[in-house]
Amino acid sequence: MMRYDFGIQAMDDPKAVKNILEGALLIAGEPLPAASLARLFEPPLDVDVVHALLDELRADWAGRGVELVQVATGWRFQGTPALQTFLDRLAPDKPPRYSRAVMETLAIIAYQQPVTRGDIEAIRGVAVSTNVVKSLEDRQWVEVVGHRETPGRPALYATTKTFLDDLGLRSLSELPPLSELDASHLLEIPDASTQAAEAQFALASAILAPSADGPGAAAEPGAAADHREPGAAAPQVLH
């Protein structure tokens, strides 16, 4: 990574520093944390100074088709929601769509993490297909963060920073409260990175409107019968 010797002179010309930060963010292709941006300079800038300049840069881009936002893994430039319809025409291939089972499983993990497959099955009332969990892991939205100290030591699942980045969030605390969301919203949605608002509504649906089949219902098609966790404890609700 190229470094720039601004030193004490950096704050004598904040516009030049902002130009460097802007250029780095535009070409990075991924979110950059403030600490990494601070190390572009020699000596490194104070992180608080970088945050202040990034806030100014965000204001500079306000009202344009591209905006500077802070997500879980750092800062990035992205198209505004109003621009998304036009950007979609650049890639005519439809983004992947996720089934009700996948979205309900993701919702439970997001709002009740960490949870085991047994916890998810107790809430949904059906067996969780191995393919459902694998699709979320392949998308890098969930990961194993540990094991519950019960017989069999079942894996505990939680969401990732990639999940937060794709929804444009900085932390789990920014997920909308369940009480504010519409349970009737569409459950089957496109890629959440381009439909963050719809994804947030969809995530709550499984908790607000659990399966009408209730506990003991038959497993959904393709559900794996292995690795069932007997007597799963109720998951701890995320606050």
C-alpha atoms as a PDB file:
ATOM      1  CA  MET A   1       0.000   0.000   0.000  1.00  0.00           C
ATOM      2  CA  MET A   2       1.387   3.410  -0.962  1.00  0.00           C
ATOM      3  CA  ARG A   3       2.146   5.771   1.927  1.00  0.00           C
ATOM      4  CA  TYR A   4       2.213   9.564   1.811  1.00  0.00           C
ATOM      5  CA  ASP A   5       4.571  11.682   3.907  1.00  0.00           C
ATOM      6  CA  PHE A   6       2.227  14.382   5.147  1.00  0.00           C
ATOM      7  CA  GLY A   7       3.308  14.441   8.779  1.00  0.00           C
ATOM      8  CA  ILE A   8       2.441  17.644  10.601  1.00  0.00           C
ATOM      9  CA  GLN A   9       1.647  19.272   7.263  1.00  0.00           C
ATOM     10  CA  ALA A  10      -1.339  16.986   6.804  1.00  0.00           C
ATOM     11  CA  MET A  11      -3.729  19.199   8.678  1.00  0.00           C
ATOM     12  CA  ASP A  12      -2.330  22.280   6.960  1.00  0.00           C
ATOM     13  CA  ASP A  13      -3.971  20.990   3.804  1.00  0.00           C
ATOM     14  CA  PRO A  14      -7.007  18.882   4.811  1.00  0.00           C
ATOM     15  CA  LYS A  15      -8.334  19.067   1.256  1.00  0.00           C
ATOM     16  CA  ALA A  16      -5.289  17.187  -0.020  1.00  0.00           C
ATOM     17  CA  VAL A  17      -5.742  14.568   2.703  1.00  0.00           C
ATOM     18  CA  LYS A  18      -9.422  14.187   1.820  1.00  0.00           C
ATOM     19  CA  ASN A  19      -8.480  13.737  -1.830  1.00  0.00           C
ATOM     20  CA  ILE A  20      -6.185  10.849  -0.869  1.00  0.00           C
ATOM     21  CA  LEU A  21      -8.822   9.265   1.357  1.00  0.00           C
ATOM     22  CA  GLU A  22     -11.384   9.676  -1.408  1.00  0.00           C
ATOM     23  CA  GLY A  23      -9.118   8.097  -4.009  1.00  0.00           C
ATOM     24  CA  ALA A  24      -8.233   5.164  -1.775  1.00  0.00           C
ATOM     25  CA  LEU A  25     -11.885   4.436  -1.039  1.00  0.00           C
ATOM     26  CA  LEU A  26     -12.923   4.727  -4.685  1.00  0.00           C
ATOM     27  CA  ILE A  27     -10.362   2.221  -5.939  1.00  0.00           C
ATOM     28  CA  ALA A  28     -10.266  -0.166  -2.960  1.00  0.00           C
ATOM     29  CA  GLY A  29     -13.209  -2.310  -4.036  1.00  0.00           C
ATOM     30  CA  GLU A  30     -13.990  -3.159  -0.407  1.00  0.00           C
ATOM     31  CA  PRO A  31     -14.703  -1.274   2.829  1.00  0.00           C
ATOM     32  CA  LEU A  32     -11.633   0.215   4.509  1.00  0.00           C
ATOM     33  CA  PRO A  33     -11.467   0.830   8.273  1.00  0.00           C
ATOM     34  CA  ALA A  34     -10.371   4.246   9.492  1.00  0.00           C
ATOM     35  CA  ALA A  35      -7.252   2.726  11.074  1.00  0.00           C
ATOM     36  CA  SER A  36      -6.084   1.425   7.679  1.00  0.00           C
ATOM     37  CA  LEU A  37      -6.771   4.791   6.057  1.00  0.00           C
ATOM     38  CA  ALA A  38      -4.781   6.511   8.802  1.00  0.00           C
ATOM     39  CA  ARG A  39      -1.759   4.368   7.904  1.00  0.00           C
ATOM     40  CA  LEU A  40      -1.730   5.740   4.367  1.00  0.00           C
ATOM     41  CA  PHE A  41       0.267   8.617   5.803  1.00  0.00           C
ATOM     42  CA  GLU A  42       3.695   8.803   7.430  1.00  0.00           C
ATOM     43  CA  PRO A  43       3.488   9.267  10.322  1.00  0.00           C
ATOM     44  CA  PRO A  44      -0.046   7.804  10.562  1.00  0.00           C
ATOM     45  CA  LEU A  45      -2.853  10.269  11.146  1.00  0.00           C
ATOM     46  CA  ASP A  46      -4.871  10.175  14.328  1.00  0.00           C
ATOM     47  CA  VAL A  47      -7.915   7.942  13.762  1.00  0.00           C
ATOM     48  CA  ASP A  48     -10.235  10.611  15.172  1.00  0.00           C
ATOM     49  CA  VAL A  49      -8.900  13.036  12.567  1.00  0.00           C
ATOM     50  CA  VAL A  50      -9.569  10.481   9.841  1.00  0.00           C
ATOM     51  CA  HIS A  51     -13.142  10.020  11.085  1.00  0.00           C
ATOM     52  CA  ALA A  52     -13.687  13.786  11.032  1.00  0.00           C
ATOM     53  CA  LEU A  53     -12.368  14.044   7.471  1.00  0.00           C
ATOM     54  CA  LEU A  54     -14.496  11.098   6.374  1.00  0.00           C
ATOM     55  CA  ASP A  55     -17.570  12.802   7.802  1.00  0.00           C
ATOM     56  CA  GLU A  56     -16.678  15.896   5.766  1.00  0.00           C
ATOM     57  CA  LEU A  57     -16.148  13.749   2.690  1.00  0.00           C
ATOM     58  CA  ARG A  58     -19.523  12.087   3.232  1.00  0.00           C
ATOM     59  CA  ALA A  59     -21.125  15.537   3.326  1.00  0.00           C
ATOM     60  CA  ASP A  60     -19.252  16.529   0.155  1.00  0.00           C
ATOM     61  CA  TRP A  61     -20.885  13.624  -1.704  1.00  0.00           C
ATOM     62  CA  ALA A  62     -24.370  14.159  -0.299  1.00  0.00           C
ATOM     63  CA  GLY A  63     -27.079  14.518  -2.940  1.00  0.00           C
ATOM     64  CA  ARG A  64     -25.135  12.698  -5.645  1.00  0.00           C
ATOM     65  CA  GLY A  65     -25.637   9.270  -7.167  1.00  0.00           C
ATOM     66  CA  VAL A  66     -22.834   7.834  -5.053  1.00  0.00           C
ATOM     67  CA  GLU A  67     -22.609   8.079  -1.277  1.00  0.00           C
ATOM     68  CA  LEU A  68     -19.948   7.410   1.325  1.00  0.00           C
ATOM     69  CA  VAL A  69     -21.204   5.119   4.087  1.00  0.00           C
ATOM     70  CA  GLN A  70     -19.784   3.371   7.122  1.00  0.00           C
ATOM     71  CA  VAL A  71     -20.496  -0.353   7.448  1.00  0.00           C
ATOM     72  CA  ALA A  72     -19.283  -3.084   9.792  1.00  0.00           C
ATOM     73  CA  THR A  73     -15.843  -3.525   8.226  1.00  0.00           C
ATOM     74  CA  GLY A  74     -15.119   0.103   7.381  1.00  0.00           C
ATOM     75  CA  TRP A  75     -16.008   2.901   4.959  1.00  0.00           C
ATOM     76  CA  ARG A  76     -16.995   2.499   1.313  1.00  0.00           C
ATOM     77  CA  PHE A  77     -18.553   4.323  -1.619  1.00  0.00           C
ATOM     78  CA  GLN A  78     -21.774   2.819  -2.964  1.00  0.00           C
ATOM     79  CA  GLY A  79     -24.626   3.735  -5.252  1.00  0.00           C
ATOM     80  CA  THR A  80     -27.645   5.368  -3.676  1.00  0.00           C
ATOM     81  CA  PRO A  81     -30.938   3.431  -3.561  1.00  0.00           C
ATOM     82  CA  ALA A  82     -32.349   5.763  -6.229  1.00  0.00           C
ATOM     83  CA  LEU A  83     -29.513   4.774  -8.562  1.00  0.00           C
ATOM     84  CA  GLN A  84     -29.908   1.030  -8.049  1.00  0.00           C
ATOM     85  CA  THR A  85     -32.625   0.564 -10.692  1.00  0.00           C
ATOM     86  CA  PHE A  86     -30.270   1.943 -13.328  1.00  0.00           C
ATOM     87  CA  LEU A  87     -27.236  -0.004 -12.077  1.00  0.00           C
ATOM     88  CA  ASP A  88     -29.246  -3.222 -12.287  1.00  0.00           C
ATOM     89  CA  ARG A  89     -29.453  -2.706 -16.064  1.00  0.00           C
ATOM     90  CA  LEU A  90     -25.672  -3.045 -16.274  1.00  0.00           C
ATOM     91  CA  ALA A  91     -25.992  -6.622 -15.021  1.00  0.00           C
ATOM     92  CA  PRO A  92     -29.083  -8.161 -16.653  1.00  0.00           C
ATOM     93  CA  ASP A  93     -28.545 -11.488 -14.889  1.00  0.00           C
ATOM     94  CA  LYS A  94     -30.942 -11.758 -11.996  1.00  0.00           C
ATOM     95  CA  PRO A  95     -29.311 -11.903  -8.551  1.00  0.00           C
ATOM     96  CA  PRO A  96     -29.847 -15.048  -6.499  1.00  0.00           C
ATOM     97  CA  ARG A  97     -33.171 -15.360  -4.733  1.00  0.00           C
ATOM     98  CA  TYR A  98     -33.567 -17.029  -1.390  1.00  0.00           C
ATOM     99  CA  SER A  99     -36.384 -19.266  -0.270  1.00  0.00           C
ATOM    100  CA  ARG A 100     -38.681 -18.703   2.673  1.00  0.00           C
ATOM    101  CA  ALA A 101     -36.781 -21.390   4.596  1.00  0.00           C
ATOM    102  CA  VAL A 102     -33.447 -19.640   4.051  1.00  0.00           C
ATOM    103  CA  MET A 103     -34.795 -16.223   5.027  1.00  0.00           C
ATOM    104  CA  GLU A 104     -36.555 -17.533   8.124  1.00  0.00           C
ATOM    105  CA  THR A 105     -33.398 -19.326   9.216  1.00  0.00           C
ATOM    106  CA  LEU A 106     -31.349 -16.194   8.647  1.00  0.00           C
ATOM    107  CA  ALA A 107     -33.873 -14.141  10.603  1.00  0.00           C
ATOM    108  CA  ILE A 108     -33.689 -16.433  13.595  1.00  0.00           C
ATOM    109  CA  ILE A 109     -29.900 -16.400  13.577  1.00  0.00           C
ATOM    110  CA  ALA A 110     -29.773 -12.609  13.181  1.00  0.00           C
ATOM    111  CA  TYR A 111     -32.197 -11.818  15.995  1.00  0.00           C
ATOM    112  CA  GLN A 112     -31.502 -14.681  18.420  1.00  0.00           C
ATOM    113  CA  GLN A 113     -27.810 -15.448  17.935  1.00  0.00           C
ATOM    114  CA  PRO A 114     -25.915 -17.489  18.828  1.00  0.00           C
ATOM    115  CA  VAL A 115     -28.223 -20.404  18.080  1.00  0.00           C
ATOM    116  CA  THR A 116     -27.930 -24.093  17.206  1.00  0.00           C
ATOM    117  CA  ARG A 117     -29.826 -25.959  14.514  1.00  0.00           C
ATOM    118  CA  GLY A 118     -31.984 -27.356  17.290  1.00  0.00           C
ATOM    119  CA  ASP A 119     -32.920 -23.831  18.386  1.00  0.00           C
ATOM    120  CA  ILE A 120     -33.865 -22.904  14.836  1.00  0.00           C
ATOM    121  CA  GLU A 121     -35.960 -26.040  14.438  1.00  0.00           C
ATOM    122  CA  ALA A 122     -37.752 -25.388  17.741  1.00  0.00           C
ATOM    123  CA  ILE A 123     -38.752 -21.909  16.538  1.00  0.00           C
ATOM    124  CA  ARG A 124     -39.661 -22.832  12.950  1.00  0.00           C
ATOM    125  CA  GLY A 125     -41.365 -26.113  13.825  1.00  0.00           C
ATOM    126  CA  VAL A 126     -39.645 -28.012  10.998  1.00  0.00           C
ATOM    127  CA  ALA A 127     -36.297 -29.715  10.521  1.00  0.00           C
ATOM    128  CA  VAL A 128     -33.574 -27.454   9.147  1.00  0.00           C
ATOM    129  CA  SER A 129     -32.132 -28.686   5.876  1.00  0.00           C
ATOM    130  CA  THR A 130     -28.352 -28.950   5.758  1.00  0.00           C
ATOM    131  CA  ASN A 131     -28.526 -27.145   2.405  1.00  0.00           C
ATOM    132  CA  VAL A 132     -30.272 -24.161   4.027  1.00  0.00           C
ATOM    133  CA  VAL A 133     -27.468 -23.641   6.521  1.00  0.00           C
ATOM    134  CA  LYS A 134     -24.816 -24.307   3.870  1.00  0.00           C
ATOM    135  CA  SER A 135     -26.304 -21.696   1.534  1.00  0.00           C
ATOM    136  CA  LEU A 136     -26.001 -19.088   4.285  1.00  0.00           C
ATOM    137  CA  GLU A 137     -22.442 -20.149   5.062  1.00  0.00           C
ATOM    138  CA  ASP A 138     -21.504 -20.092   1.365  1.00  0.00           C
ATOM    139  CA  ARG A 139     -22.933 -16.575   1.119  1.00  0.00           C
ATOM    140  CA  GLN A 140     -20.738 -15.707   4.140  1.00  0.00           C
ATOM    141  CA  TRP A 141     -23.750 -14.438   6.047  1.00  0.00           C
ATOM    142  CA  VAL A 142     -23.445 -16.896   8.956  1.00  0.00           C
ATOM    143  CA  GLU A 143     -20.608 -18.807  10.577  1.00  0.00           C
ATOM    144  CA  VAL A 144     -19.934 -21.192  13.466  1.00  0.00           C
ATOM    145  CA  VAL A 145     -18.774 -19.182  16.480  1.00  0.00           C
ATOM    146  CA  GLY A 146     -18.541 -21.977  19.033  1.00  0.00           C
ATOM    147  CA  HIS A 147     -20.267 -25.023  20.435  1.00  0.00           C
ATOM    148  CA  ARG A 148     -22.881 -25.351  23.154  1.00  0.00           C
ATOM    149  CA  GLU A 149     -21.707 -27.350  26.134  1.00  0.00           C
ATOM    150  CA  THR A 150     -24.482 -29.926  25.946  1.00  0.00           C
ATOM    151  CA  PRO A 151     -24.407 -33.555  24.759  1.00  0.00           C
ATOM    152  CA  GLY A 152     -23.122 -33.643  21.213  1.00  0.00           C
ATOM    153  CA  ARG A 153     -21.722 -30.086  21.514  1.00  0.00           C
ATOM    154  CA  PRO A 154     -23.893 -28.675  18.702  1.00  0.00           C
ATOM    155  CA  ALA A 155     -22.470 -25.813  16.660  1.00  0.00           C
ATOM    156  CA  LEU A 156     -23.546 -22.264  17.511  1.00  0.00           C
ATOM    157  CA  TYR A 157     -24.308 -20.032  14.519  1.00  0.00           C
ATOM    158  CA  ALA A 158     -24.083 -16.251  14.317  1.00  0.00           C
ATOM    159  CA  THR A 159     -24.076 -13.647  11.567  1.00  0.00           C
ATOM    160  CA  THR A 160     -20.878 -12.251  10.067  1.00  0.00           C
ATOM    161  CA  LYS A 161     -19.564  -8.791   9.276  1.00  0.00           C
ATOM    162  CA  THR A 162     -20.204  -9.599   5.614  1.00  0.00           C
ATOM    163  CA  PHE A 163     -23.900  -9.937   6.489  1.00  0.00           C
ATOM    164  CA  LEU A 164     -23.833  -6.474   8.075  1.00  0.00           C
ATOM    165  CA  ASP A 165     -21.920  -5.021   5.128  1.00  0.00           C
ATOM    166  CA  ASP A 166     -24.445  -6.428   2.641  1.00  0.00           C
ATOM    167  CA  LEU A 167     -27.292  -4.818   4.576  1.00  0.00           C
ATOM    168  CA  GLY A 168     -25.365  -1.545   4.923  1.00  0.00           C
ATOM    169  CA  LEU A 169     -25.208  -1.785   8.708  1.00  0.00           C
ATOM    170  CA  ARG A 170     -22.409  -1.024  11.150  1.00  0.00           C
ATOM    171  CA  SER A 171     -23.553  -3.332  13.944  1.00  0.00           C
ATOM    172  CA  LEU A 172     -26.372  -5.669  14.970  1.00  0.00           C
ATOM    173  CA  SER A 173     -27.827  -2.878  17.089  1.00  0.00           C
ATOM    174  CA  GLU A 174     -28.869  -1.191  13.824  1.00  0.00           C
ATOM    175  CA  LEU A 175     -31.190  -4.049  12.869  1.00  0.00           C
ATOM    176  CA  PRO A 176     -34.737  -2.683  13.044  1.00  0.00           C
ATOM    177  CA  PRO A 177     -36.688  -3.659  16.171  1.00  0.00           C
ATOM    178  CA  LEU A 178     -39.121  -6.462  15.485  1.00  0.00           C
ATOM    179  CA  SER A 179     -42.017  -4.343  16.750  1.00  0.00           C
ATOM    180  CA  GLU A 180     -41.412  -1.812  13.962  1.00  0.00           C
ATOM    181  CA  LEU A 181     -41.443  -4.276  11.076  1.00  0.00           C
ATOM    182  CA  ASP A 182     -44.260  -5.527   8.881  1.00  0.00           C
ATOM    183  CA  ALA A 183     -44.591  -9.300   9.193  1.00  0.00           C
ATOM    184  CA  SER A 184     -46.507  -9.527   5.922  1.00  0.00           C
ATOM    185  CA  HIS A 185     -43.568  -8.249   3.861  1.00  0.00           C
ATOM    186  CA  LEU A 186     -42.145 -10.345   1.042  1.00  0.00           C
ATOM    187  CA  LEU A 187     -39.967 -13.174   2.309  1.00  0.00           C
ATOM    188  CA  GLU A 188     -38.324 -14.178  -0.954  1.00  0.00           C
ATOM    189  CA  ILE A 189     -36.012 -11.343  -1.949  1.00  0.00           C
ATOM    190  CA  PRO A 190     -33.049 -10.621  -4.222  1.00  0.00           C
ATOM    191  CA  ASP A 191     -29.488 -10.269  -3.006  1.00  0.00           C
ATOM    192  CA  ALA A 192     -29.611  -8.221   0.201  1.00  0.00           C
ATOM    193  CA  SER A 193     -26.669  -6.082  -0.839  1.00  0.00           C
ATOM    194  CA  THR A 194     -28.937  -4.394  -3.378  1.00  0.00           C
ATOM    195  CA  GLN A 195     -32.184  -4.611  -1.435  1.00  0.00           C
ATOM    196  CA  ALA A 196     -31.146  -3.769   2.129  1.00  0.00           C
ATOM    197  CA  ALA A 197     -34.467  -2.279   3.169  1.00  0.00           C
ATOM    198  CA  GLU A 198     -36.465  -5.267   1.917  1.00  0.00           C
ATOM    199  CA  ALA A 199     -34.006  -7.619   3.563  1.00  0.00           C
ATOM    200  CA  GLN A 200     -34.484  -5.972   6.933  1.00  0.00           C
ATOM    201  CA  PHE A 201     -38.248  -6.410   6.684  1.00  0.00           C
ATOM    202  CA  ALA A 202     -37.853 -10.000   5.557  1.00  0.00           C
ATOM    203  CA  LEU A 203     -35.493 -10.843   8.399  1.00  0.00           C
ATOM    204  CA  ALA A 204     -38.155 -10.146  10.987  1.00  0.00           C
ATOM    205  CA  SER A 205     -40.886 -12.176   9.340  1.00  0.00           C
ATOM    206  CA  ALA A 206     -39.882 -15.518  10.778  1.00  0.00           C
ATOM    207  CA  ILE A 207     -39.976 -14.204  14.331  1.00  0.00           C
ATOM    208  CA  LEU A 208     -43.198 -12.223  13.958  1.00  0.00           C
ATOM    209  CA  ALA A 209     -45.037 -14.826  11.897  1.00  0.00           C
ATOM    210  CA  PRO A 210     -43.732 -18.287  12.811  1.00  0.00           C
ATOM    211  CA  SER A 211     -44.754 -21.344  10.834  1.00  0.00           C
ATOM    212  CA  ALA A 212     -48.451 -22.114  11.096  1.00  0.00           C
ATOM    213  CA  ASP A 213     -47.563 -25.783  11.133  1.00  0.00           C
ATOM    214  CA  GLY A 214     -46.264 -25.448  14.666  1.00  0.00           C
ATOM    215  CA  PRO A 215     -43.864 -27.748  16.517  1.00  0.00           C
ATOM    216  CA  GLY A 216     -43.764 -31.298  15.336  1.00  0.00           C
ATOM    217  CA  ALA A 217     -44.654 -30.477  11.744  1.00  0.00           C
ATOM    218  CA  ALA A 218     -43.130 -32.568   9.009  1.00  0.00           C
ATOM    219  CA  ALA A 219     -39.717 -31.570   7.781  1.00  0.00           C
ATOM    220  CA  GLU A 220     -39.611 -29.381   4.707  1.00  0.00           C
ATOM    221  CA  PRO A 221     -38.557 -31.099   1.463  1.00  0.00           C
ATOM    222  CA  GLY A 222     -34.886 -31.971   1.455  1.00  0.00           C
ATOM    223  CA  ALA A 223     -34.444 -31.398   5.180  1.00  0.00           C
ATOM    224  CA  ALA A 224     -31.706 -33.465   6.690  1.00  0.00           C
ATOM    225  CA  ALA A 225     -32.715 -35.731   9.536  1.00  0.00           C
ATOM    226  CA  ASP A 226     -29.170 -36.019  10.862  1.00  0.00           C
ATOM    227  CA  HIS A 227     -27.543 -33.898  13.546  1.00  0.00           C
ATOM    228  CA  ARG A 228     -30.832 -33.176  15.263  1.00  0.00           C
ATOM    229  CA  GLU A 229     -30.245 -31.738  18.699  1.00  0.00           C
ATOM    230  CA  PRO A 230     -32.496 -33.341  21.335  1.00  0.00           C
ATOM    231  CA  GLY A 231     -33.970 -31.093  23.952  1.00  0.00           C
ATOM    232  CA  ALA A 232     -32.523 -27.842  22.616  1.00  0.00           C
ATOM    233  CA  ALA A 233     -32.614 -25.034  25.097  1.00  0.00           C
ATOM    234  CA  ALA A 234     -34.450 -21.855  24.208  1.00  0.00           C
ATOM    235  CA  PRO A 235     -32.055 -19.400  22.529  1.00  0.00           C
ATOM    236  CA  GLN A 236     -31.036 -16.212  24.210  1.00  0.00           C
ATOM    237  CA  VAL A 237     -32.705 -13.214  22.590  1.00  0.00           C
ATOM    238  CA  LEU A 238     -30.315 -10.616  21.250  1.00  0.00           C
ATOM    239  CA  HIS A 239     -30.631  -7.229  22.910  1.00  0.00           C
END
